[in-house]
Amino acid sequence: MTTFNKMDHSCTPEWVRKSFFKEEEFDKKLNLACGADYLSGWVNLDGDINVTADIHHDLDDPDLLLPFPNQEFDLIYASHILEHITYIKPLKKELMRILKPGGTLIVVVPYYLSPDAWGDDTHVRAFSIHSFMPTYWPHPGEMRVKIIDGKDPYDYDIQWLVADIKRGN
């Protein structure tokens, strides 16, 4: 089942992490596509070899498995990466493979009606609340999606989706 809410806030990475989960409640955590947001105590993965990360791995190659065993992580944090992925189905399958049953996947993406959804020419897709219907995710459990209204650094109105996905069995 998927539930939807709307809230107003400036959606910084720190605010999302503090608002949507308590990282100390999770043992093994993956910061997917960490970019400049390297998190201590996490496994930080990024495809850009110029970024400080624990592991460098191409997330958009549909033939490459993520370099982790099945059910490795209690928490996966994927902030502002899925909109850049051309081959999203294989990556969603891989994310759910490495997430423990009952584990949490937090996804942050631009809302499809937001100016930043298509304003960035590196975005290959946009997301609506319907992108997080259980039928579109392997091993779906409970899903909660929030639309967050905020401002970008240039004071434009933007909207992001934050999805809290629990892996079923």
Foldseek 3Di string as FASTA:
>chain_A
DEAEAEEEDADDVVCCDVPPDDVVVWQAEEEEQCAQPDDPNYQYEHQDPVGDGNYHDDLQDLVDADPAAFQQTQEYEAEADQQLHPPNLSSLVRVLRNHHQQGKYKYKFFAPPFCVSVVDVSGPDHDHSVCPDQVNGPQFDYKYKYWYWYADPVRDITIMIIMITGGHD
